[in-house]
N, C-alpha and C. Protein backbone atom coordinates (compact mmCIF):
# COMPACT_ATOMS: atom_id res chain seq x y z
N MET A 1 -198.11 114.55 20.25
CA MET A 1 -198.81 114.81 19.02
C MET A 1 -199.56 113.55 18.60
N LYS A 2 -200.85 113.69 18.29
CA LYS A 2 -201.67 112.56 17.86
C LYS A 2 -201.57 112.38 16.35
N PHE A 3 -201.65 111.12 15.90
CA PHE A 3 -201.75 110.81 14.48
C PHE A 3 -202.36 109.43 14.34
N THR A 4 -202.68 109.04 13.11
CA THR A 4 -203.21 107.71 12.86
C THR A 4 -202.04 106.80 12.55
N GLY A 5 -201.92 105.71 13.28
CA GLY A 5 -200.81 104.78 13.13
C GLY A 5 -200.91 103.92 11.89
N PRO A 6 -199.88 103.12 11.62
CA PRO A 6 -199.84 102.30 10.41
C PRO A 6 -200.93 101.23 10.36
N HIS A 7 -201.52 100.89 11.51
CA HIS A 7 -202.60 99.90 11.53
C HIS A 7 -203.97 100.55 11.68
N GLY A 8 -204.03 101.88 11.48
CA GLY A 8 -205.29 102.60 11.53
C GLY A 8 -205.78 102.98 12.92
N GLN A 9 -204.97 102.76 13.94
CA GLN A 9 -205.35 103.07 15.32
C GLN A 9 -204.78 104.44 15.73
N GLN A 10 -205.31 104.98 16.82
CA GLN A 10 -204.78 106.23 17.38
C GLN A 10 -203.33 106.02 17.76
N ALA A 11 -202.48 106.98 17.40
CA ALA A 11 -201.05 106.88 17.70
C ALA A 11 -200.57 108.22 18.25
N TYR A 12 -199.43 108.18 18.91
CA TYR A 12 -198.88 109.38 19.54
C TYR A 12 -197.38 109.45 19.29
N LEU A 13 -196.88 110.65 19.00
CA LEU A 13 -195.45 110.92 18.91
C LEU A 13 -195.10 111.73 20.14
N MET A 14 -194.16 111.22 20.93
CA MET A 14 -193.80 111.88 22.19
C MET A 14 -192.33 112.25 22.20
N GLN A 15 -192.04 113.42 22.74
CA GLN A 15 -190.67 113.89 22.92
C GLN A 15 -190.15 113.31 24.24
N CYS A 16 -189.07 112.56 24.19
CA CYS A 16 -188.58 111.86 25.38
C CYS A 16 -187.23 112.38 25.86
N SER A 17 -186.73 113.44 25.28
CA SER A 17 -185.45 113.98 25.73
C SER A 17 -185.69 115.30 26.45
N GLY A 18 -184.73 115.70 27.20
CA GLY A 18 -184.84 116.92 27.96
C GLY A 18 -184.82 116.61 29.45
N MET A 19 -184.86 117.65 30.23
CA MET A 19 -184.80 117.49 31.68
C MET A 19 -186.01 116.70 32.18
N PHE A 20 -185.76 115.70 32.95
CA PHE A 20 -186.79 114.84 33.58
C PHE A 20 -187.60 114.03 32.56
N ARG A 21 -187.06 113.81 31.35
CA ARG A 21 -187.75 113.01 30.35
C ARG A 21 -186.85 111.85 29.95
N SER A 22 -187.47 110.71 29.65
CA SER A 22 -186.71 109.54 29.22
C SER A 22 -187.62 108.66 28.38
N ILE A 23 -187.04 107.69 27.69
CA ILE A 23 -187.83 106.72 26.93
C ILE A 23 -188.78 105.99 27.87
N GLU A 24 -188.29 105.61 29.05
CA GLU A 24 -189.14 104.91 30.01
C GLU A 24 -190.31 105.79 30.44
N GLY A 25 -190.06 107.07 30.63
CA GLY A 25 -191.14 107.99 30.98
C GLY A 25 -192.17 108.09 29.87
N CYS A 26 -191.71 108.07 28.61
CA CYS A 26 -192.63 108.10 27.48
C CYS A 26 -193.46 106.82 27.44
N LYS A 27 -192.85 105.69 27.74
CA LYS A 27 -193.59 104.43 27.75
C LYS A 27 -194.65 104.44 28.85
N GLU A 28 -194.33 105.02 30.00
CA GLU A 28 -195.31 105.13 31.08
C GLU A 28 -196.49 106.00 30.64
N ARG A 29 -196.19 107.08 29.92
CA ARG A 29 -197.24 107.96 29.41
C ARG A 29 -198.09 107.21 28.38
N ALA A 30 -197.45 106.41 27.53
CA ALA A 30 -198.17 105.63 26.52
C ALA A 30 -199.12 104.64 27.18
N GLU A 31 -198.71 104.06 28.30
CA GLU A 31 -199.59 103.13 29.02
C GLU A 31 -200.87 103.83 29.48
N LYS A 32 -200.75 105.09 29.86
CA LYS A 32 -201.92 105.86 30.30
C LYS A 32 -202.79 106.24 29.11
N LEU A 33 -202.16 106.59 27.99
CA LEU A 33 -202.90 106.99 26.80
C LEU A 33 -203.56 105.81 26.09
N CYS A 34 -202.97 104.63 26.24
CA CYS A 34 -203.45 103.43 25.53
C CYS A 34 -203.75 102.33 26.55
N PRO A 35 -204.90 102.37 27.22
CA PRO A 35 -205.20 101.40 28.26
C PRO A 35 -205.24 99.95 27.78
N ALA A 36 -205.50 99.72 26.49
CA ALA A 36 -205.53 98.36 25.95
C ALA A 36 -204.13 97.89 25.53
N GLY A 37 -203.12 98.73 25.72
CA GLY A 37 -201.76 98.41 25.33
C GLY A 37 -201.34 99.19 24.10
N PHE A 38 -200.06 99.11 23.76
CA PHE A 38 -199.54 99.86 22.63
C PHE A 38 -198.39 99.11 21.98
N GLU A 39 -198.09 99.53 20.76
CA GLU A 39 -196.96 98.99 20.01
C GLU A 39 -196.06 100.17 19.63
N VAL A 40 -194.75 100.02 19.83
CA VAL A 40 -193.82 101.06 19.40
C VAL A 40 -193.72 100.96 17.88
N VAL A 41 -194.02 102.06 17.19
CA VAL A 41 -193.98 102.05 15.74
C VAL A 41 -192.75 102.77 15.19
N ASP A 42 -192.10 103.61 16.00
CA ASP A 42 -190.88 104.27 15.56
C ASP A 42 -190.18 104.83 16.79
N ARG A 43 -188.87 104.78 16.74
CA ARG A 43 -188.06 105.32 17.83
C ARG A 43 -186.87 106.07 17.24
N PRO A 44 -187.17 107.15 16.50
CA PRO A 44 -186.07 107.90 15.88
C PRO A 44 -185.23 108.61 16.93
N THR A 45 -183.95 108.68 16.69
CA THR A 45 -183.06 109.43 17.57
C THR A 45 -182.11 110.23 16.70
N GLY A 46 -181.62 111.26 17.25
CA GLY A 46 -180.63 112.08 16.57
C GLY A 46 -179.71 112.67 17.60
N VAL A 47 -178.64 113.28 17.15
CA VAL A 47 -177.70 113.90 18.07
C VAL A 47 -177.36 115.28 17.51
N PRO A 48 -178.21 116.26 17.78
CA PRO A 48 -177.91 117.60 17.29
C PRO A 48 -176.79 118.23 18.11
N GLY A 49 -175.95 118.98 17.47
CA GLY A 49 -174.89 119.71 18.16
C GLY A 49 -175.34 121.14 18.39
N LEU A 50 -175.19 121.61 19.59
CA LEU A 50 -175.56 122.98 19.92
C LEU A 50 -174.30 123.78 20.20
N GLN A 51 -174.16 124.92 19.54
CA GLN A 51 -173.00 125.77 19.74
C GLN A 51 -173.05 126.38 21.14
N GLN A 52 -171.95 126.28 21.88
CA GLN A 52 -171.88 126.88 23.20
C GLN A 52 -171.21 128.24 23.09
N MET A 53 -171.47 129.09 24.06
CA MET A 53 -170.89 130.43 24.04
C MET A 53 -169.37 130.37 24.14
N ALA A 54 -168.82 129.34 24.79
CA ALA A 54 -167.37 129.20 24.93
C ALA A 54 -166.72 128.72 23.64
N GLY A 55 -167.52 128.43 22.62
CA GLY A 55 -166.97 128.04 21.33
C GLY A 55 -167.02 126.55 21.05
N GLY A 56 -167.30 125.73 22.05
CA GLY A 56 -167.37 124.29 21.84
C GLY A 56 -168.77 123.87 21.40
N MET A 57 -168.93 122.57 21.23
CA MET A 57 -170.23 122.03 20.85
C MET A 57 -170.77 121.20 22.01
N LEU A 58 -172.03 121.36 22.30
CA LEU A 58 -172.72 120.56 23.30
C LEU A 58 -173.55 119.54 22.53
N ILE A 59 -173.29 118.27 22.75
CA ILE A 59 -174.01 117.21 22.06
C ILE A 59 -175.19 116.79 22.94
N VAL A 60 -176.38 116.93 22.42
CA VAL A 60 -177.59 116.62 23.17
C VAL A 60 -178.39 115.57 22.41
N PRO A 61 -178.58 114.38 22.98
CA PRO A 61 -179.40 113.38 22.28
C PRO A 61 -180.85 113.84 22.17
N ASP A 62 -181.42 113.65 21.00
CA ASP A 62 -182.81 114.00 20.75
C ASP A 62 -183.56 112.70 20.58
N LYS A 63 -184.42 112.37 21.54
CA LYS A 63 -185.14 111.09 21.51
C LYS A 63 -186.63 111.33 21.41
N THR A 64 -187.25 110.59 20.51
CA THR A 64 -188.70 110.61 20.41
C THR A 64 -189.19 109.17 20.37
N LEU A 65 -190.45 108.99 20.68
CA LEU A 65 -191.05 107.66 20.66
C LEU A 65 -192.43 107.79 20.04
N ALA A 66 -192.69 106.97 19.02
CA ALA A 66 -194.01 106.93 18.39
C ALA A 66 -194.65 105.59 18.75
N VAL A 67 -195.85 105.64 19.30
CA VAL A 67 -196.57 104.43 19.69
C VAL A 67 -197.95 104.44 19.06
N GLU A 68 -198.44 103.27 18.75
CA GLU A 68 -199.80 103.10 18.25
C GLU A 68 -200.58 102.27 19.26
N CYS A 69 -201.74 102.77 19.65
CA CYS A 69 -202.57 102.06 20.61
C CYS A 69 -203.12 100.78 19.97
N LYS A 70 -203.19 99.75 20.79
CA LYS A 70 -203.82 98.51 20.32
C LYS A 70 -205.33 98.74 20.29
N PRO A 71 -206.05 97.97 19.48
CA PRO A 71 -207.50 98.17 19.40
C PRO A 71 -208.14 98.17 20.78
N GLY A 72 -209.01 99.08 20.98
CA GLY A 72 -209.65 99.29 22.27
C GLY A 72 -209.80 100.78 22.46
N GLN A 73 -210.02 101.19 23.65
CA GLN A 73 -210.24 102.61 23.92
C GLN A 73 -208.90 103.31 24.09
N ALA A 74 -208.69 104.36 23.31
CA ALA A 74 -207.48 105.20 23.45
C ALA A 74 -207.86 106.47 24.19
N GLY A 75 -206.93 106.96 25.01
CA GLY A 75 -207.19 108.19 25.76
C GLY A 75 -206.90 109.33 24.92
């Protein structure tokens, strides 16, 4: 998701949890989106509990990464 960052530059909020996703993968994506470099502006995390059919709770980390592109060309 695109938004304007705190310094007025193009910024992106990326979902980094789930199958085949990680914070490092989000950073690699940010490098492609922000060729002049980027700054991490927020890294919120949460731990939602999901009810399982067997009655227990499945704890799944929810990770997102918000980055703001440094001045220059943003993708």
